[in-house]
Amino acid sequence: MSVLPSPYVGPGTGNPLGAVAVGGGGRRVEAIEMQTGRAPTAEELAFLRERRVGRLATVDAAGAPAVVPICFAVVEGEGEAAIVSALDEKPKRVPVERLRRVRHIRENPEVALVVDDYVEDWRRLAFVQVRGRARLVEPGEAGFAAAIATLRSKYPQYQRMAVDERPLIRIEGLTATSWRGSGSEVSDLPRPTDLAAIVQGRRSVRAFAARPVDAELIRQAIAMAGWAPSPHGRQPWRFAVVERQERKLALADAMAATWQAQLALDGQEAAIVQIRLAKSRERLLTAPVLIVPCLYLAKLDVYPDADRQAAETTMAIQSIGAAIQNLLLALYAAGLDGGWMCAPLFCPDVVRDTLGLDAALIPHALIPVGYAAKDPVRRDRLPLDRLITSWE
């Protein structure tokens, strides 16, 4: 492979448009550098959340640099994102306070973090670099407990480490630079391929960019849903796909009365109900694709007693959840995002009749699908020791 110049052209190279590389077989690979010196975009924050390792660059008071690989997480606070990294218990030759990155941060808080994907197909190279001011946050300080919970959620290894008993590094005031191979949109920054990163990277998106979705990606994701476990292998679920705007509008209008009645039951003021109703409606109308998972009981085993028949139905309902999870993970791995809306549970007949579905189908969920317009707020997950209630 010949490169003119290196494909990892970045800030300060004097080439704001990036580089050109010639790959195997003479393929032309253009490198595109995005705008620098501004707050991280939703796509860049998503890229950071999904990766497991970054390279932290620090300098001491004399300007001598050092780079070290770190585990990290993105946290939200006071309206902006920050990066946190634990000082963990892996074998170290010096006390935590004498670690080079700790000494450097105390002498010069300006740092940079680079997170990248390298593949042999250089058209798929990508990195995100963030700069900011680092500081040490001690146990008990504001935001410390939440940061530890986020790190432990991302890295199960921290569940068994006393990272909550030592300071952590927090990088604030972030500015970003990102780079990718040409031929893709900004939101096409590569998604991870290992299962843990896919499961932990999946997020529930409520705002979508006005960008069409390739129908083949939807078909592939539904095919993956079909591999979910089900009672006797009967696959008691089917999927309706809604793309045409007039069908989305008809569905939103038909569900509006039920939505409003359900929201009113929460005892909220009429104005709040209308705001929530408008947001749900907007979510349906702005998503490029809607997928409606439906329960299909016609092919289940039939039993003479009511108890076993009820259990058969329960198994089918459990399995549609597994199918939806497969669907969401497959969409995420393909570069798309979705969100799980349960609204059809409250008006299955309305949804079925509006979409003209077979009478044997029972709509159970609504999955808006597209490319995220902004990074959603993610809720902390329970630590592992609270998920396991018994192990004997």
Protein backbone atom coordinates (compact mmCIF):
# COMPACT_ATOMS: atom_id res chain seq x y z
CA MET A 1 0.00 0.00 0.00
CA SER A 2 1.33 3.44 -0.90
CA VAL A 3 0.12 6.45 1.04
CA LEU A 4 0.20 10.12 0.01
CA PRO A 5 0.71 11.10 2.84
CA SER A 6 -0.28 9.03 5.91
CA PRO A 7 -4.06 8.48 6.18
CA TYR A 8 -3.97 9.68 9.78
CA VAL A 9 -3.67 13.30 8.79
CA GLY A 10 -5.04 15.48 11.55
CA PRO A 11 -4.86 18.93 13.12
CA GLY A 12 -1.72 20.90 12.48
CA THR A 13 -0.71 19.03 9.33
CA GLY A 14 -1.47 21.91 7.03
CA ASN A 15 -3.95 19.81 5.05
CA PRO A 16 -7.47 20.70 6.22
CA LEU A 17 -9.10 18.41 3.68
CA GLY A 18 -7.24 15.30 4.82
CA ALA A 19 -5.07 12.92 2.85
CA VAL A 20 -5.30 10.54 -0.05
CA ALA A 21 -4.25 6.91 0.31
CA VAL A 22 -3.95 4.24 -2.35
CA GLY A 23 -5.01 0.86 -1.03
CA GLY A 24 -4.57 -2.67 -2.29
CA GLY A 25 -5.67 -3.05 -5.89
CA GLY A 26 -5.17 0.66 -6.52
CA ARG A 27 -8.30 1.71 -4.60
CA ARG A 28 -8.38 5.42 -3.82
CA VAL A 29 -9.07 6.17 -0.18
CA GLU A 30 -9.77 9.79 0.73
CA ALA A 31 -9.38 10.91 4.32
CA ILE A 32 -11.76 13.59 5.55
CA GLU A 33 -11.03 15.66 8.62
CA MET A 34 -14.03 17.16 10.34
CA GLN A 35 -14.30 20.58 11.92
CA THR A 36 -12.05 20.99 14.96
CA GLY A 37 -12.07 22.99 18.17
CA ARG A 38 -15.74 22.66 19.04
CA ALA A 39 -17.86 20.63 21.45
CA PRO A 40 -18.17 16.91 20.65
CA THR A 41 -21.10 15.99 18.41
CA ALA A 42 -23.67 13.32 19.29
CA GLU A 43 -21.98 10.94 16.85
CA GLU A 44 -18.56 11.51 18.39
CA LEU A 45 -19.87 10.99 21.92
CA ALA A 46 -21.57 7.78 20.79
CA PHE A 47 -18.27 6.64 19.21
CA LEU A 48 -16.49 7.28 22.52
CA ARG A 49 -19.12 5.51 24.60
CA GLU A 50 -18.87 2.41 22.44
CA ARG A 51 -15.09 1.98 22.59
CA ARG A 52 -13.27 0.27 25.40
CA VAL A 53 -9.76 1.75 25.32
CA GLY A 54 -8.28 5.18 24.61
CA ARG A 55 -4.81 6.76 24.69
CA LEU A 56 -4.43 9.56 27.22
CA ALA A 57 -1.74 12.13 26.47
CA THR A 58 -0.38 14.32 29.28
CA VAL A 59 2.60 16.65 29.70
CA ASP A 60 4.53 17.69 32.77
CA ALA A 61 5.44 21.23 33.82
CA ALA A 62 8.50 21.16 31.53
CA GLY A 63 6.47 20.04 28.53
CA ALA A 64 7.67 16.41 28.48
CA PRO A 65 4.85 14.24 27.08
CA ALA A 66 3.57 10.82 28.09
CA VAL A 67 0.89 8.58 26.61
CA VAL A 68 -0.88 5.72 28.39
CA PRO A 69 -3.81 3.47 27.40
CA ILE A 70 -6.82 3.90 29.70
CA CYS A 71 -10.31 2.60 30.26
CA PHE A 72 -12.82 5.45 30.36
CA ALA A 73 -16.49 6.41 30.24
CA VAL A 74 -18.53 9.41 29.11
CA VAL A 75 -20.69 11.06 31.78
CA GLU A 76 -23.13 13.96 31.63
CA GLY A 77 -23.18 16.77 34.13
CA GLU A 78 -24.28 20.40 34.21
CA GLY A 79 -25.36 20.26 30.59
CA GLU A 80 -22.12 18.99 29.07
CA ALA A 81 -20.22 15.76 28.63
CA ALA A 82 -17.06 14.80 30.50
CA ILE A 83 -14.64 11.87 30.42
CA VAL A 84 -13.87 9.87 33.58
CA SER A 85 -11.22 7.22 34.16
CA ALA A 86 -10.57 5.16 37.28
CA LEU A 87 -7.20 4.62 38.91
CA ASP A 88 -7.69 0.91 39.27
CA GLU A 89 -5.97 -1.93 41.11
CA LYS A 90 -3.96 -3.51 38.30
CA PRO A 91 -0.37 -4.16 39.47
CA LYS A 92 1.55 -0.90 39.66
CA ARG A 93 5.10 -0.23 40.76
CA VAL A 94 4.31 3.07 42.48
CA PRO A 95 1.47 4.41 44.64
CA VAL A 96 -1.49 5.96 42.81
CA GLU A 97 -0.34 9.46 43.76
CA ARG A 98 2.98 8.85 41.98
CA LEU A 99 1.55 7.59 38.70
CA ARG A 100 2.94 9.66 35.86
CA ARG A 101 -0.47 10.72 34.55
CA VAL A 102 -1.50 11.83 38.04
CA ARG A 103 1.69 13.87 38.49
CA HIS A 104 1.32 15.41 35.04
CA ILE A 105 -2.31 16.40 35.61
CA ARG A 106 -1.39 18.14 38.85
CA GLU A 107 1.40 20.03 37.06
CA ASN A 108 -0.45 20.71 33.80
CA PRO A 109 -4.17 19.85 33.52
CA GLU A 110 -4.32 20.20 29.70
CA VAL A 111 -4.73 16.68 28.26
CA ALA A 112 -5.86 14.90 25.10
CA LEU A 113 -7.56 11.54 24.62
CA VAL A 114 -7.54 9.65 21.30
CA VAL A 115 -9.89 6.74 20.62
CA ASP A 116 -9.60 4.99 17.27
CA ASP A 117 -10.60 2.08 15.06
CA TYR A 118 -7.95 0.45 12.90
CA VAL A 119 -8.84 -2.03 10.15
CA GLU A 120 -6.88 -3.18 7.13
CA ASP A 121 -9.47 -1.63 4.84
CA TRP A 122 -8.25 1.95 5.27
CA ARG A 123 -11.52 3.36 3.99
CA ARG A 124 -12.99 2.35 7.36
CA LEU A 125 -10.38 4.00 9.59
CA ALA A 126 -11.74 6.45 12.14
CA PHE A 127 -10.74 8.26 15.31
CA VAL A 128 -12.12 10.80 17.76
CA GLN A 129 -9.75 13.05 19.69
CA VAL A 130 -10.93 15.15 22.61
CA ARG A 131 -8.98 17.79 24.49
CA GLY A 132 -9.83 19.23 27.87
CA ARG A 133 -8.72 20.05 31.38
CA ALA A 134 -8.24 17.11 33.72
CA ARG A 135 -8.56 17.05 37.47
CA LEU A 136 -8.61 14.46 40.23
CA VAL A 137 -11.97 13.84 41.89
CA GLU A 138 -11.77 12.38 45.39
CA PRO A 139 -14.26 9.92 46.93
CA GLY A 140 -17.20 11.82 48.37
CA GLU A 141 -16.94 14.76 45.99
CA ALA A 142 -19.92 15.73 43.84
CA GLY A 143 -20.28 13.45 40.84
CA PHE A 144 -17.82 10.84 42.12
CA ALA A 145 -20.37 8.12 42.95
CA ALA A 146 -22.21 8.55 39.63
CA ALA A 147 -18.93 8.35 37.70
CA ILE A 148 -17.92 5.14 39.51
CA ALA A 149 -21.34 3.62 38.78
CA THR A 150 -20.96 4.44 35.07
CA LEU A 151 -17.47 2.95 34.93
CA ARG A 152 -18.58 -0.21 36.72
CA SER A 153 -21.52 -0.54 34.34
CA LYS A 154 -19.18 -0.34 31.34
CA TYR A 155 -16.38 -2.51 32.79
CA PRO A 156 -17.58 -5.47 34.89
CA GLN A 157 -13.99 -5.95 36.13
CA TYR A 158 -14.43 -2.82 38.28
CA GLN A 159 -17.20 -4.56 40.22
CA ARG A 160 -14.48 -6.48 42.06
CA MET A 161 -12.08 -3.55 42.48
CA ALA A 162 -12.08 -0.87 45.17
CA VAL A 163 -12.07 1.95 42.60
CA ASP A 164 -14.49 3.83 44.84
CA GLU A 165 -11.76 4.18 47.48
CA ARG A 166 -9.28 6.14 45.35
CA PRO A 167 -9.52 9.27 43.20
CA LEU A 168 -10.56 9.21 39.57
CA ILE A 169 -9.59 11.39 36.62
CA ARG A 170 -12.24 13.69 35.17
CA ILE A 171 -11.67 15.59 31.89
CA GLU A 172 -13.96 18.60 31.37
CA GLY A 173 -14.41 21.45 28.91
CA LEU A 174 -14.14 19.04 26.01
CA THR A 175 -13.37 20.06 22.44
CA ALA A 176 -13.26 17.47 19.69
CA THR A 177 -11.65 16.52 16.41
CA SER A 178 -12.67 13.42 14.47
CA TRP A 179 -11.53 11.77 11.29
CA ARG A 180 -12.95 9.05 9.10
CA GLY A 181 -12.44 7.39 5.76
CA SER A 182 -14.43 8.94 2.93
CA GLY A 183 -17.60 7.59 1.40
CA SER A 184 -19.70 7.69 4.56
CA GLU A 185 -21.74 10.13 6.61
CA VAL A 186 -20.56 11.57 9.91
CA SER A 187 -22.98 9.21 11.67
CA ASP A 188 -21.28 6.28 9.93
CA LEU A 189 -18.34 6.28 12.33
CA PRO A 190 -17.80 2.52 12.73
CA ARG A 191 -19.75 0.63 15.36
CA PRO A 192 -18.01 -2.00 17.51
CA THR A 193 -18.13 -5.65 16.52
CA ASP A 194 -17.61 -7.46 19.84
CA LEU A 195 -20.78 -8.53 21.65
CA ALA A 196 -20.12 -6.74 24.96
CA ALA A 197 -19.57 -3.39 23.22
CA ILE A 198 -22.71 -3.83 21.10
CA VAL A 199 -24.87 -4.71 24.10
CA GLN A 200 -23.52 -1.84 26.21
CA GLY A 201 -23.45 0.63 23.33
CA ARG A 202 -27.10 0.19 22.29
CA ARG A 203 -29.14 3.20 23.34
CA SER A 204 -32.79 4.32 23.18
CA VAL A 205 -32.93 7.20 20.70
CA ARG A 206 -35.86 9.64 20.54
CA ALA A 207 -34.61 12.17 17.97
CA PHE A 208 -33.68 11.13 14.44
CA ALA A 209 -31.83 12.84 11.61
CA ALA A 210 -33.64 13.43 8.32
CA ARG A 211 -31.67 10.75 6.50
CA PRO A 212 -33.13 7.75 4.68
CA VAL A 213 -32.46 4.21 5.88
CA ASP A 214 -31.43 1.42 3.53
CA ALA A 215 -34.28 -1.10 3.42
CA GLU A 216 -31.79 -3.97 3.31
CA LEU A 217 -30.50 -3.01 6.78
CA ILE A 218 -34.05 -3.29 8.12
CA ARG A 219 -34.51 -6.67 6.45
CA GLN A 220 -31.24 -7.98 7.92
CA ALA A 221 -32.17 -6.78 11.42
CA ILE A 222 -35.57 -8.49 11.24
CA ALA A 223 -33.82 -11.66 10.06
CA MET A 224 -31.68 -11.50 13.21
CA ALA A 225 -34.85 -11.09 15.30
CA GLY A 226 -36.02 -14.37 13.80
CA TRP A 227 -33.16 -16.20 15.55
CA ALA A 228 -34.52 -15.44 19.02
CA PRO A 229 -35.56 -18.41 21.20
CA SER A 230 -39.28 -19.23 21.15
CA PRO A 231 -41.65 -21.92 22.51
CA HIS A 232 -41.17 -25.09 20.45
CA GLY A 233 -39.37 -23.01 17.83
CA ARG A 234 -42.70 -21.61 16.58
CA GLN A 235 -41.47 -18.00 16.31
CA PRO A 236 -44.76 -16.45 17.52
CA TRP A 237 -44.03 -12.97 16.19
CA ARG A 238 -44.27 -11.03 12.95
CA PHE A 239 -43.08 -7.52 12.04
CA ALA A 240 -44.88 -4.75 10.18
CA VAL A 241 -42.67 -2.06 8.61
CA VAL A 242 -44.01 1.45 8.09
CA GLU A 243 -42.10 3.80 5.76
CA ARG A 244 -44.65 5.96 3.94
CA GLN A 245 -45.29 9.25 5.71
CA GLU A 246 -49.06 9.06 5.22
CA ARG A 247 -49.13 5.72 7.06
CA LYS A 248 -47.05 7.18 9.91
CA LEU A 249 -49.45 10.12 10.11
CA ALA A 250 -52.49 7.84 10.12
CA LEU A 251 -50.95 5.74 12.88
CA ALA A 252 -50.07 8.77 15.00
CA ASP A 253 -53.57 10.21 14.57
CA ALA A 254 -55.26 6.90 15.37
CA MET A 255 -53.22 6.37 18.53
CA ALA A 256 -53.57 9.96 19.76
CA ALA A 257 -56.82 9.46 21.69
CA THR A 258 -55.47 6.41 23.54
CA TRP A 259 -52.18 8.17 24.28
CA GLN A 260 -54.02 11.18 25.66
CA ALA A 261 -56.26 9.04 27.86
CA GLN A 262 -53.28 7.07 29.23
CA LEU A 263 -51.28 10.23 29.94
CA ALA A 264 -54.25 11.82 31.67
CA LEU A 265 -54.42 8.84 34.04
CA ASP A 266 -51.03 9.92 35.39
CA GLY A 267 -52.74 12.92 36.98
CA GLN A 268 -50.62 15.47 35.12
CA GLU A 269 -51.84 18.88 34.02
CA ALA A 270 -53.50 19.12 30.62
CA ALA A 271 -50.67 21.28 29.26
CA ILE A 272 -48.06 18.67 30.25
CA VAL A 273 -50.16 15.92 28.67
CA GLN A 274 -50.27 17.87 25.41
CA ILE A 275 -46.49 18.37 25.43
CA ARG A 276 -45.84 14.67 25.99
CA LEU A 277 -48.39 13.76 23.35
CA ALA A 278 -46.73 16.11 20.85
CA LYS A 279 -43.30 14.60 21.54
CA SER A 280 -44.55 11.06 21.00
CA ARG A 281 -46.25 12.11 17.78
CA GLU A 282 -43.09 13.86 16.57
CA ARG A 283 -41.05 10.77 17.32
CA LEU A 284 -43.24 8.68 15.00
CA LEU A 285 -43.35 11.23 12.21
CA THR A 286 -39.63 12.05 12.12
CA ALA A 287 -38.25 8.50 12.32
CA PRO A 288 -37.45 7.26 8.79
CA VAL A 289 -38.84 3.79 9.56
CA LEU A 290 -41.25 2.34 12.12
CA ILE A 291 -41.19 -1.36 12.97
CA VAL A 292 -44.24 -2.84 14.72
CA PRO A 293 -43.49 -6.22 16.40
CA CYS A 294 -46.69 -8.26 16.65
CA LEU A 295 -47.50 -11.33 18.72
CA TYR A 296 -48.75 -14.22 16.57
CA LEU A 297 -50.41 -17.01 18.55
CA ALA A 298 -52.06 -18.96 15.72
CA LYS A 299 -49.32 -21.60 15.47
CA LEU A 300 -48.80 -22.30 19.18
CA ASP A 301 -49.41 -25.73 20.67
CA VAL A 302 -52.96 -26.25 21.94
CA TYR A 303 -53.62 -27.86 25.35
CA PRO A 304 -56.90 -29.10 26.85
CA ASP A 305 -56.35 -27.30 30.16
CA ALA A 306 -56.40 -23.56 30.69
CA ASP A 307 -53.26 -23.40 32.85
CA ARG A 308 -50.93 -24.89 30.26
CA GLN A 309 -52.51 -22.82 27.50
CA ALA A 310 -51.93 -19.67 29.56
CA ALA A 311 -48.31 -20.71 30.12
CA GLU A 312 -47.90 -21.24 26.37
CA THR A 313 -49.11 -17.67 25.77
CA THR A 314 -46.77 -16.35 28.45
CA MET A 315 -43.83 -18.09 26.79
CA ALA A 316 -44.77 -16.47 23.50
CA ILE A 317 -44.90 -13.03 25.12
CA GLN A 318 -41.50 -13.64 26.71
CA SER A 319 -40.06 -14.67 23.37
CA ILE A 320 -41.23 -11.55 21.55
CA GLY A 321 -39.10 -9.57 24.01
CA ALA A 322 -36.08 -11.67 23.02
CA ALA A 323 -36.87 -11.08 19.34
CA ILE A 324 -37.12 -7.32 19.89
CA GLN A 325 -33.79 -7.31 21.72
CA ASN A 326 -32.18 -9.15 18.78
CA LEU A 327 -33.72 -6.57 16.48
CA LEU A 328 -32.41 -3.60 18.47
CA LEU A 329 -28.89 -5.03 18.74
CA ALA A 330 -28.79 -5.84 15.02
CA LEU A 331 -29.94 -2.33 14.14
CA TYR A 332 -27.30 -0.83 16.41
CA ALA A 333 -24.51 -3.02 15.02
CA ALA A 334 -25.53 -1.89 11.51
CA GLY A 335 -25.04 1.77 12.46
CA LEU A 336 -28.70 2.56 13.11
CA ASP A 337 -30.52 3.45 16.31
CA GLY A 338 -33.97 2.70 17.64
CA GLY A 339 -36.19 3.06 20.66
CA TRP A 340 -38.70 0.70 22.25
CA MET A 341 -42.18 2.26 22.57
CA CYS A 342 -44.85 0.20 24.32
CA ALA A 343 -47.84 2.29 23.17
CA PRO A 344 -49.41 -0.45 20.96
CA LEU A 345 -49.93 -2.58 24.09
CA PHE A 346 -52.68 -0.15 25.12
CA CYS A 347 -54.44 -0.03 21.74
CA PRO A 348 -53.53 -3.13 19.71
CA ASP A 349 -56.82 -3.11 17.79
CA VAL A 350 -56.31 0.52 16.77
CA VAL A 351 -52.80 -0.16 15.48
CA ARG A 352 -53.83 -3.36 13.69
CA ASP A 353 -56.85 -1.75 12.00
CA THR A 354 -54.98 1.40 11.00
CA LEU A 355 -52.20 -0.59 9.34
CA GLY A 356 -54.58 -3.14 7.84
CA LEU A 357 -52.87 -6.09 9.53
CA ASP A 358 -54.21 -9.63 9.77
CA ALA A 359 -56.66 -10.20 12.61
CA ALA A 360 -54.32 -12.85 14.10
CA LEU A 361 -51.61 -10.26 14.76
CA ILE A 362 -51.47 -8.46 18.11
CA PRO A 363 -49.24 -5.32 17.99
CA HIS A 364 -47.01 -5.29 21.06
CA ALA A 365 -44.47 -2.54 20.46
CA LEU A 366 -43.39 0.26 18.17
CA ILE A 367 -39.71 0.70 17.22
CA PRO A 368 -38.78 4.02 15.52
CA VAL A 369 -35.57 3.47 13.53
CA GLY A 370 -33.06 5.87 11.98
CA TYR A 371 -29.83 7.75 12.59
CA ALA A 372 -29.57 9.57 15.92
CA ALA A 373 -29.87 13.36 15.72
CA LYS A 374 -28.44 13.69 19.22
CA ASP A 375 -26.97 11.45 21.88
CA PRO A 376 -29.68 10.38 24.35
CA VAL A 377 -29.27 10.60 28.10
CA ARG A 378 -28.36 7.14 29.33
CA ARG A 379 -29.50 5.80 32.67
CA ASP A 380 -27.10 4.04 34.98
CA ARG A 381 -27.39 0.25 35.19
CA LEU A 382 -27.53 -1.70 38.43
CA PRO A 383 -24.17 -3.09 39.52
CA LEU A 384 -23.64 -6.81 39.03
CA ASP A 385 -23.87 -7.65 42.73
CA ARG A 386 -27.42 -6.26 42.80
CA LEU A 387 -28.50 -8.17 39.70
CA ILE A 388 -27.50 -11.54 41.18
CA THR A 389 -29.78 -12.27 44.13
CA SER A 390 -28.66 -15.85 44.77
CA TRP A 391 -25.72 -18.04 43.77
CA GLU A 392 -25.22 -21.30 45.65
